[in-house]
N, C-alpha and C. Protein backbone atom coordinates (compact mmCIF):
# COMPACT_ATOMS: atom_id res chain seq x y z
N UNK A 1 114.50 83.06 77.74
CA UNK A 1 113.47 82.02 78.32
C UNK A 1 113.74 81.53 79.75
N UNK A 2 112.91 81.30 80.46
CA UNK A 2 113.07 80.96 81.97
C UNK A 2 112.14 79.71 82.47
N UNK A 3 112.64 78.94 83.34
CA UNK A 3 111.57 77.71 83.74
C UNK A 3 111.59 77.89 85.44
N UNK A 4 110.84 77.41 86.12
CA UNK A 4 110.68 77.48 87.57
C UNK A 4 110.31 76.02 87.75
N UNK A 5 111.08 75.40 88.71
CA UNK A 5 110.61 74.00 89.09
C UNK A 5 110.27 74.01 90.60
N UNK A 6 109.27 73.31 91.04
CA UNK A 6 108.77 73.16 92.41
C UNK A 6 108.43 71.82 92.46
N UNK A 7 108.61 71.27 93.93
CA UNK A 7 108.37 70.00 94.14
C UNK A 7 107.53 69.98 95.27
N UNK A 8 106.37 69.51 95.29
CA UNK A 8 105.25 69.37 96.51
C UNK A 8 105.18 70.82 96.92
N UNK A 9 104.86 71.92 96.00
CA UNK A 9 104.72 73.22 96.61
C UNK A 9 105.95 74.09 96.77
N UNK A 10 106.94 73.54 96.97
CA UNK A 10 108.33 74.01 97.32
C UNK A 10 109.10 74.42 96.13
N UNK A 11 109.33 75.57 96.19
CA UNK A 11 110.28 76.22 95.14
C UNK A 11 111.79 75.68 95.25
N UNK A 12 112.25 75.09 93.91
CA UNK A 12 113.56 74.17 93.96
C UNK A 12 114.34 74.92 93.15
N UNK A 13 114.21 75.57 92.01
CA UNK A 13 115.09 76.06 91.28
C UNK A 13 114.54 76.98 90.22
N UNK A 14 115.16 78.11 89.45
CA UNK A 14 114.65 78.77 88.59
C UNK A 14 115.91 78.90 87.42
N UNK A 15 115.75 78.59 86.26
CA UNK A 15 116.83 78.22 85.25
C UNK A 15 116.34 79.22 84.17
N UNK A 16 117.46 79.70 83.52
CA UNK A 16 117.21 80.44 82.42
C UNK A 16 118.41 80.28 81.42
N UNK A 17 117.82 80.81 80.12
CA UNK A 17 118.67 80.76 78.86
C UNK A 17 118.59 81.96 78.10
N UNK A 18 119.64 82.83 77.92
CA UNK A 18 119.52 83.90 77.26
C UNK A 18 119.99 83.98 75.74
N UNK A 19 120.86 82.68 75.59
CA UNK A 19 121.62 82.53 74.24
C UNK A 19 120.95 81.48 73.45
N UNK A 20 121.31 81.24 72.40
CA UNK A 20 120.71 80.31 71.27
C UNK A 20 120.79 78.96 72.05
N UNK A 21 119.90 78.07 72.03
CA UNK A 21 120.02 76.69 72.71
C UNK A 21 118.52 76.15 73.13
N UNK A 22 118.81 75.44 73.96
CA UNK A 22 117.42 74.61 74.67
C UNK A 22 117.64 74.86 76.15
N UNK A 23 116.46 74.92 76.96
CA UNK A 23 116.20 74.97 78.09
C UNK A 23 114.93 73.82 78.51
N UNK A 24 115.36 73.00 79.28
CA UNK A 24 114.33 71.80 79.37
C UNK A 24 114.10 71.32 81.08
N UNK A 25 113.14 70.59 81.01
CA UNK A 25 113.17 69.88 82.49
C UNK A 25 112.93 68.63 82.16
N UNK A 26 113.58 67.59 83.22
CA UNK A 26 113.65 66.31 82.96
C UNK A 26 113.31 65.82 84.38
N UNK A 27 112.46 64.67 84.28
CA UNK A 27 111.88 63.90 85.33
C UNK A 27 112.51 62.37 85.11
N UNK A 28 113.21 61.91 85.82
CA UNK A 28 113.43 60.57 85.68
C UNK A 28 113.06 59.57 86.72
N UNK A 29 112.52 58.37 86.36
CA UNK A 29 111.83 57.52 87.40
C UNK A 29 112.45 56.11 86.93
N UNK A 30 112.77 55.29 87.63
CA UNK A 30 113.70 54.08 87.28
C UNK A 30 112.72 52.78 87.94
N UNK A 31 112.76 51.68 87.42
CA UNK A 31 111.98 50.53 88.00
C UNK A 31 113.03 49.31 87.76
N UNK A 32 113.53 48.93 88.95
CA UNK A 32 114.38 47.76 88.92
C UNK A 32 115.84 48.12 88.53
N UNK A 33 116.25 49.26 88.57
CA UNK A 33 117.56 49.83 88.43
C UNK A 33 118.20 50.25 89.37
N UNK A 34 119.44 50.00 89.94
CA UNK A 34 119.93 50.49 91.12
C UNK A 34 120.92 51.61 90.92
N UNK A 35 120.52 52.87 91.05
CA UNK A 35 121.71 53.91 91.17
C UNK A 35 121.22 55.17 91.90
N UNK A 36 122.20 55.82 92.43
CA UNK A 36 121.84 56.93 93.21
C UNK A 36 121.25 58.08 92.50
N UNK A 37 121.32 58.02 90.92
CA UNK A 37 120.82 59.23 90.14
C UNK A 37 119.23 59.02 89.68
N UNK A 38 118.76 57.85 89.95
CA UNK A 38 117.43 57.51 89.60
C UNK A 38 116.35 58.57 90.69
N UNK A 39 115.07 58.58 89.92
CA UNK A 39 114.08 59.23 90.52
C UNK A 39 114.34 60.33 91.10
N UNK A 40 114.60 61.28 90.02
CA UNK A 40 115.22 62.79 90.06
C UNK A 40 114.58 63.61 89.10
N UNK A 41 114.43 64.82 89.59
CA UNK A 41 113.97 66.03 88.65
C UNK A 41 115.12 67.17 88.62
N UNK A 42 115.29 67.70 87.37
CA UNK A 42 116.24 68.68 87.37
C UNK A 42 116.03 69.67 85.99
N UNK A 43 116.35 70.80 85.91
CA UNK A 43 116.37 71.75 84.97
C UNK A 43 117.98 71.63 84.25
N UNK A 44 117.81 71.96 83.00
CA UNK A 44 119.05 72.00 82.27
C UNK A 44 119.10 72.84 81.05
N UNK A 45 120.01 73.51 80.65
CA UNK A 45 120.12 74.36 79.64
C UNK A 45 121.39 74.02 78.59
N UNK A 46 121.21 74.01 77.32
CA UNK A 46 122.09 73.86 76.47
C UNK A 46 122.48 75.04 75.57
N UNK A 47 123.64 75.83 75.73
CA UNK A 47 123.90 76.95 75.05
C UNK A 47 124.85 76.70 73.74
N UNK A 48 124.18 76.86 72.80
CA UNK A 48 124.68 76.45 71.27
C UNK A 48 125.40 77.54 70.76
N UNK A 49 125.39 78.75 71.33
CA UNK A 49 125.93 80.07 70.53
C UNK A 49 127.34 80.23 70.24
N UNK A 50 127.99 79.17 70.87
CA UNK A 50 129.47 79.19 70.58
C UNK A 50 129.97 78.11 69.57
N UNK A 51 129.22 77.63 68.63
CA UNK A 51 129.18 76.35 67.68
C UNK A 51 130.76 76.44 67.43
N UNK A 52 131.52 75.26 67.40
CA UNK A 52 131.05 74.03 67.48
C UNK A 52 130.92 73.59 69.13
N UNK A 53 131.34 74.37 69.89
CA UNK A 53 131.23 74.12 71.24
C UNK A 53 129.77 74.47 72.00
N UNK A 54 129.56 73.78 73.09
CA UNK A 54 128.47 73.98 73.65
C UNK A 54 128.62 74.07 75.13
N UNK A 55 127.67 74.89 75.84
CA UNK A 55 127.78 74.96 77.48
C UNK A 55 126.61 74.19 77.80
N UNK A 56 126.59 73.25 78.91
CA UNK A 56 125.58 72.43 79.56
C UNK A 56 125.59 73.00 80.90
N UNK A 57 124.34 73.69 81.22
CA UNK A 57 124.19 73.96 82.74
C UNK A 57 123.09 73.00 83.30
N UNK A 58 123.18 72.83 84.56
CA UNK A 58 122.22 71.74 85.39
C UNK A 58 121.80 72.68 86.72
N UNK A 59 120.69 72.55 86.92
CA UNK A 59 120.05 72.92 88.09
C UNK A 59 119.27 71.69 88.80
N UNK A 60 119.74 71.38 89.79
CA UNK A 60 118.76 70.39 90.45
C UNK A 60 119.37 69.01 90.77
N UNK A 61 118.50 67.83 90.29
CA UNK A 61 118.79 66.49 90.80
C UNK A 61 118.26 66.22 91.86
N UNK A 62 117.04 66.86 91.96
CA UNK A 62 116.26 66.82 93.34
C UNK A 62 115.68 65.43 93.35
N UNK A 63 115.65 64.75 94.66
CA UNK A 63 115.19 63.30 94.71
C UNK A 63 113.71 63.30 94.60
N UNK A 64 113.30 62.35 94.20
CA UNK A 64 111.60 62.25 94.11
C UNK A 64 111.12 60.78 94.66
N UNK A 65 109.99 60.69 95.37
CA UNK A 65 109.53 59.63 95.89
C UNK A 65 107.89 59.76 95.47
N UNK A 66 107.29 58.30 95.45
CA UNK A 66 105.99 58.13 94.90
C UNK A 66 105.20 59.11 95.66
N UNK A 67 104.20 59.75 94.94
CA UNK A 67 103.43 60.86 95.51
C UNK A 67 103.82 62.13 95.42
N UNK A 68 104.96 62.65 94.92
CA UNK A 68 105.49 63.72 94.84
C UNK A 68 104.84 64.56 93.65
N UNK A 69 104.61 65.80 93.86
CA UNK A 69 103.91 66.71 92.64
C UNK A 69 104.91 67.41 92.19
N UNK A 70 105.39 67.38 90.82
CA UNK A 70 106.55 68.02 90.23
C UNK A 70 105.73 69.17 89.54
N UNK A 71 106.29 70.47 89.51
CA UNK A 71 105.56 71.51 88.81
C UNK A 71 106.81 72.27 87.96
N UNK A 72 106.34 72.52 86.61
CA UNK A 72 107.27 73.08 85.89
C UNK A 72 106.44 74.45 85.34
N UNK A 73 107.22 75.62 85.53
CA UNK A 73 106.26 76.82 85.18
C UNK A 73 107.33 77.61 84.01
N UNK A 74 106.63 77.90 82.98
CA UNK A 74 107.20 78.79 81.95
C UNK A 74 107.17 80.36 82.58
N UNK A 75 108.37 80.88 82.56
CA UNK A 75 108.37 82.27 83.22
C UNK A 75 108.73 83.26 82.20
N UNK A 76 108.46 84.47 82.44
CA UNK A 76 109.02 85.63 81.32
C UNK A 76 110.31 85.70 81.98
N UNK A 77 111.17 86.37 80.98
CA UNK A 77 112.62 86.41 81.28
C UNK A 77 112.84 87.29 82.60
N UNK A 78 114.11 86.95 83.20
CA UNK A 78 114.22 87.65 84.50
C UNK A 78 115.37 86.62 85.10
N UNK A 79 115.45 87.10 86.43
CA UNK A 79 116.67 86.35 87.30
C UNK A 79 116.51 84.92 87.40
N UNK A 80 117.48 84.26 87.64
CA UNK A 80 117.32 82.72 87.80
C UNK A 80 118.61 82.61 88.96
N UNK A 81 118.52 81.23 89.38
CA UNK A 81 119.46 80.62 90.26
C UNK A 81 120.70 80.55 89.50
N UNK A 82 121.83 80.52 90.32
CA UNK A 82 123.13 79.92 89.43
C UNK A 82 123.02 78.37 89.19
N UNK A 83 123.38 77.91 88.19
CA UNK A 83 123.46 76.47 88.09
C UNK A 83 124.36 75.81 88.97
N UNK A 84 123.93 74.48 89.31
CA UNK A 84 124.84 73.62 90.25
C UNK A 84 125.90 73.24 89.37
N UNK A 85 125.83 72.95 88.00
CA UNK A 85 126.79 72.39 87.31
C UNK A 85 126.75 72.92 86.00
N UNK A 86 128.21 73.16 85.77
CA UNK A 86 128.31 73.83 84.13
C UNK A 86 129.29 73.15 83.74
N UNK A 87 129.39 72.73 82.33
CA UNK A 87 130.54 71.91 81.66
C UNK A 87 130.34 72.61 80.22
N UNK A 88 131.76 72.58 79.69
CA UNK A 88 131.97 73.07 78.34
C UNK A 88 132.37 71.73 77.40
N UNK A 89 131.84 71.57 76.29
CA UNK A 89 132.43 70.49 75.20
C UNK A 89 133.77 71.08 74.99
N UNK A 90 134.34 72.38 75.07
CA UNK A 90 135.56 72.54 74.65
C UNK A 90 136.75 71.96 75.59
N UNK A 91 136.24 71.37 76.80
CA UNK A 91 136.99 71.03 77.79
C UNK A 91 137.05 69.65 77.88
N UNK A 92 136.28 68.95 76.95
CA UNK A 92 136.10 67.37 76.70
C UNK A 92 137.46 66.75 76.75
N UNK A 93 137.99 65.70 77.45
CA UNK A 93 139.05 65.17 77.50
C UNK A 93 138.99 64.38 76.04
N UNK A 94 138.08 64.03 75.39
CA UNK A 94 138.05 63.30 74.32
C UNK A 94 138.08 64.04 72.99
N UNK A 95 138.39 65.32 73.25
CA UNK A 95 138.60 66.34 71.85
C UNK A 95 139.99 65.87 71.51
N UNK A 96 139.96 66.02 70.09
CA UNK A 96 141.14 65.35 69.32
C UNK A 96 141.95 66.28 68.79
N UNK A 97 143.30 65.96 68.52
CA UNK A 97 144.51 66.74 68.17
C UNK A 97 144.94 67.99 68.73
N UNK A 98 146.17 68.02 69.30
CA UNK A 98 146.90 69.12 69.88
C UNK A 98 147.24 69.89 68.64
N UNK A 99 147.81 69.36 67.42
CA UNK A 99 148.14 70.07 66.36
C UNK A 99 147.00 70.52 65.40
N UNK A 100 147.12 71.75 65.04
CA UNK A 100 145.92 72.29 64.09
C UNK A 100 146.10 71.60 62.83
N UNK A 101 147.38 71.60 62.43
CA UNK A 101 147.60 70.96 60.92
C UNK A 101 147.15 69.37 60.77
N UNK A 102 147.23 68.78 61.75
CA UNK A 102 146.73 67.30 62.02
C UNK A 102 145.34 67.29 61.79
N UNK A 103 144.66 68.30 62.67
CA UNK A 103 143.04 68.50 62.65
C UNK A 103 142.63 68.85 61.22
N UNK A 104 143.45 69.66 60.52
CA UNK A 104 143.10 70.05 59.38
C UNK A 104 143.25 68.95 58.34
N UNK A 105 144.26 68.17 58.41
CA UNK A 105 144.37 66.91 57.57
C UNK A 105 143.22 65.82 57.91
N UNK A 106 143.02 65.87 59.08
CA UNK A 106 141.82 64.96 59.18
C UNK A 106 140.51 65.29 58.47
N UNK A 107 140.35 66.67 58.59
CA UNK A 107 139.09 67.03 57.85
C UNK A 107 139.22 66.49 56.48
N UNK A 108 140.06 66.88 55.80
CA UNK A 108 140.35 66.52 54.54
C UNK A 108 140.46 65.03 54.29
N UNK A 109 140.74 64.16 55.14
CA UNK A 109 140.61 62.65 54.86
C UNK A 109 139.15 62.30 55.07
N UNK A 110 138.64 62.87 56.04
CA UNK A 110 137.07 62.79 56.12
C UNK A 110 136.15 63.23 55.13
N UNK A 111 136.67 64.16 54.35
CA UNK A 111 136.02 64.67 53.15
C UNK A 111 136.23 63.51 52.06
N UNK A 112 137.42 63.06 51.83
CA UNK A 112 137.63 62.14 50.91
C UNK A 112 136.76 60.85 51.14
N UNK A 113 136.65 60.50 52.36
CA UNK A 113 135.86 59.32 52.53
C UNK A 113 134.29 59.52 52.33
N UNK A 114 134.00 60.72 52.76
CA UNK A 114 132.53 61.13 52.50
C UNK A 114 132.34 61.09 50.86
N UNK A 115 133.13 61.71 50.11
CA UNK A 115 133.15 61.85 48.68
C UNK A 115 132.96 60.30 48.17
N UNK A 116 134.04 59.50 48.46
CA UNK A 116 133.88 58.24 48.16
C UNK A 116 132.70 57.39 48.38
N UNK A 117 132.12 57.33 49.70
CA UNK A 117 130.88 56.95 49.94
C UNK A 117 129.49 57.48 49.15
N UNK A 118 129.67 58.58 48.69
CA UNK A 118 128.75 59.12 48.05
C UNK A 118 128.85 58.46 46.51
N UNK A 119 130.04 58.56 46.16
CA UNK A 119 130.21 57.79 44.74
C UNK A 119 129.53 56.36 44.76
N UNK A 120 129.73 55.60 45.77
CA UNK A 120 129.36 54.23 46.05
C UNK A 120 127.79 54.32 45.79
N UNK A 121 127.09 55.24 46.62
CA UNK A 121 125.52 55.29 46.49
C UNK A 121 125.43 55.71 44.96
N UNK A 122 125.73 56.64 44.45
CA UNK A 122 125.58 56.97 43.12
C UNK A 122 125.56 56.05 42.24
N UNK A 123 126.69 55.18 42.21
CA UNK A 123 126.76 53.79 41.18
C UNK A 123 125.64 52.79 41.53
N UNK A 124 125.32 52.65 42.62
CA UNK A 124 124.44 51.75 43.31
C UNK A 124 123.03 51.97 42.97
N UNK A 125 122.63 53.37 42.94
CA UNK A 125 121.25 53.74 42.46
C UNK A 125 120.82 53.14 41.42
N UNK A 126 121.47 53.19 40.26
CA UNK A 126 120.80 52.46 39.01
C UNK A 126 120.92 51.03 38.92
N UNK A 127 121.78 50.52 39.97
CA UNK A 127 122.04 49.02 39.73
C UNK A 127 121.15 48.06 40.68
N UNK A 128 121.18 48.71 41.84
CA UNK A 128 120.68 47.89 43.03
C UNK A 128 119.02 48.08 42.94
N UNK A 129 118.25 47.04 43.40
CA UNK A 129 116.88 47.44 43.66
C UNK A 129 116.31 48.65 44.89
N UNK A 130 115.50 49.10 44.81
CA UNK A 130 114.92 50.14 45.68
C UNK A 130 115.20 49.75 47.19
N UNK A 131 114.85 48.30 47.50
CA UNK A 131 115.12 48.01 48.85
C UNK A 131 116.65 47.79 49.24
N UNK A 132 117.29 47.29 48.38
CA UNK A 132 118.70 47.18 48.49
C UNK A 132 119.25 48.47 48.82
N UNK A 133 118.95 49.38 47.76
CA UNK A 133 119.63 50.80 48.02
C UNK A 133 119.31 51.45 49.20
N UNK A 134 118.07 51.16 49.62
CA UNK A 134 117.62 51.89 50.88
C UNK A 134 118.45 51.47 52.00
N UNK A 135 118.79 50.13 51.88
CA UNK A 135 119.66 49.52 53.16
C UNK A 135 121.16 50.16 52.87
N UNK A 136 121.49 50.13 51.72
CA UNK A 136 122.95 50.68 51.59
C UNK A 136 123.13 52.22 52.00
N UNK A 137 122.04 52.84 51.67
CA UNK A 137 121.82 54.34 51.99
C UNK A 137 121.78 54.36 53.66
N UNK A 138 121.15 53.41 54.19
CA UNK A 138 120.84 53.65 55.73
C UNK A 138 122.43 53.33 56.15
N UNK A 139 123.25 52.68 55.70
CA UNK A 139 124.37 51.85 56.31
C UNK A 139 125.28 53.09 56.18
N UNK A 140 125.50 53.84 54.82
CA UNK A 140 126.33 54.79 54.50
C UNK A 140 126.02 55.83 55.52
N UNK A 141 124.71 56.25 55.53
CA UNK A 141 124.52 57.45 56.69
C UNK A 141 125.07 57.18 58.01
N UNK A 142 124.85 55.70 58.29
CA UNK A 142 125.30 55.53 59.66
C UNK A 142 126.67 55.65 59.89
N UNK A 143 127.47 55.39 58.80
CA UNK A 143 128.85 55.55 58.74
C UNK A 143 129.09 57.07 58.90
N UNK A 144 128.51 57.97 58.14
CA UNK A 144 128.77 59.26 57.97
C UNK A 144 128.50 59.86 59.44
N UNK A 145 127.41 59.55 60.01
CA UNK A 145 126.95 60.01 61.33
C UNK A 145 128.28 59.57 62.38
N UNK A 146 128.70 58.54 62.40
CA UNK A 146 129.79 58.23 63.28
C UNK A 146 131.07 58.95 62.86
N UNK A 147 131.36 59.11 61.75
CA UNK A 147 132.50 60.14 61.31
C UNK A 147 132.49 61.19 62.01
N UNK A 148 131.26 61.93 62.00
CA UNK A 148 131.05 63.28 62.71
C UNK A 148 131.12 62.93 64.24
N UNK A 149 130.38 62.03 64.82
CA UNK A 149 130.49 61.79 66.30
C UNK A 149 131.81 61.57 66.83
N UNK A 150 132.59 60.66 66.22
CA UNK A 150 133.92 60.12 66.76
C UNK A 150 135.14 61.00 66.09
N UNK A 151 135.05 61.83 65.04
CA UNK A 151 136.06 62.46 64.45
C UNK A 151 135.89 64.14 64.30
N UNK A 152 134.94 64.32 63.31
CA UNK A 152 134.69 65.61 63.14
C UNK A 152 134.38 66.43 64.19
N UNK A 153 133.33 66.25 65.02
CA UNK A 153 132.79 67.03 66.18
C UNK A 153 133.99 66.94 67.23
N UNK A 154 134.84 65.93 67.79
CA UNK A 154 135.76 66.26 68.66
C UNK A 154 136.95 66.88 68.13
N UNK A 155 137.09 66.88 66.97
CA UNK A 155 138.22 67.90 66.22
C UNK A 155 137.80 69.27 66.32
N UNK A 156 136.63 69.72 65.87
CA UNK A 156 136.07 70.96 65.78
C UNK A 156 135.99 71.58 67.08
N UNK A 157 135.67 70.81 68.12
CA UNK A 157 135.58 71.51 69.54
C UNK A 157 136.86 71.80 69.97
N UNK A 158 137.97 71.09 69.53
CA UNK A 158 139.20 71.53 69.87
C UNK A 158 139.78 72.61 69.22
N UNK A 159 139.33 72.78 68.03
CA UNK A 159 139.98 73.61 67.00
C UNK A 159 138.62 74.43 66.30
N UNK A 160 137.84 75.10 67.11
CA UNK A 160 136.72 75.74 66.38
C UNK A 160 137.28 76.88 65.25
N UNK A 161 138.45 77.16 65.23
CA UNK A 161 138.92 77.92 64.18
C UNK A 161 138.81 77.29 62.77
N UNK A 162 138.78 75.84 62.85
CA UNK A 162 138.61 75.01 61.56
C UNK A 162 136.97 74.88 61.07
N UNK A 163 136.09 75.38 62.03
CA UNK A 163 134.67 75.30 61.48
C UNK A 163 134.46 75.91 60.02
N UNK A 164 134.74 77.15 59.74
CA UNK A 164 134.71 77.66 58.29
C UNK A 164 135.14 76.54 57.34
N UNK A 165 136.36 76.00 57.67
CA UNK A 165 136.84 74.88 56.55
C UNK A 165 136.03 73.65 56.43
N UNK A 166 135.54 73.27 57.71
CA UNK A 166 134.58 72.07 57.58
C UNK A 166 133.26 72.33 56.98
N UNK A 167 132.78 73.62 57.01
CA UNK A 167 131.59 73.97 56.43
C UNK A 167 131.77 74.01 54.95
N UNK A 168 132.96 74.71 54.62
CA UNK A 168 133.25 74.81 53.03
C UNK A 168 133.38 73.43 52.51
N UNK A 169 133.81 72.54 53.24
CA UNK A 169 133.85 71.21 52.74
C UNK A 169 132.51 70.39 52.77
N UNK A 170 131.62 70.98 53.36
CA UNK A 170 130.16 70.53 53.43
C UNK A 170 130.27 69.22 54.52
N UNK A 171 131.29 69.47 55.51
CA UNK A 171 131.23 68.41 56.59
C UNK A 171 130.41 68.93 57.93
N UNK A 172 129.81 70.17 57.66
CA UNK A 172 129.09 70.56 58.68
C UNK A 172 127.90 71.32 58.12
């Protein structure tokens, strides 16, 4: 898949993604917020083919002013421009655990926590009112999302070889 970006009739960038993932166009405008990254347009791609790691590519960041005309065209597959910026989640400084065995132990601990929270929900299901149970289920769901965001994902990005184990534990 491929996108073309033009501003005021002037071709700015062509972006493509041939792997699994997303290709998108973003226009950001601000009101009352001072930042040099406001009022810009760009194309970006997120390649998810190397799960649990992703590659983010960006074309643009072209400035906009009132009256500009932004055009996005969906193109057939073909050549594109080189991205201006590429980043890999595998290189994120917040990825966890230099030691693989410690990473494996974390996954086991998170699985124990997940199991315990699911047991709390099961016990509460027959005791609490529907509204109270819904609040509890949302709270537990929020905790599980944060466990993934703060612990599981940063660990698996650094140790992708543990992804099958995480899947077996139903953590992914």
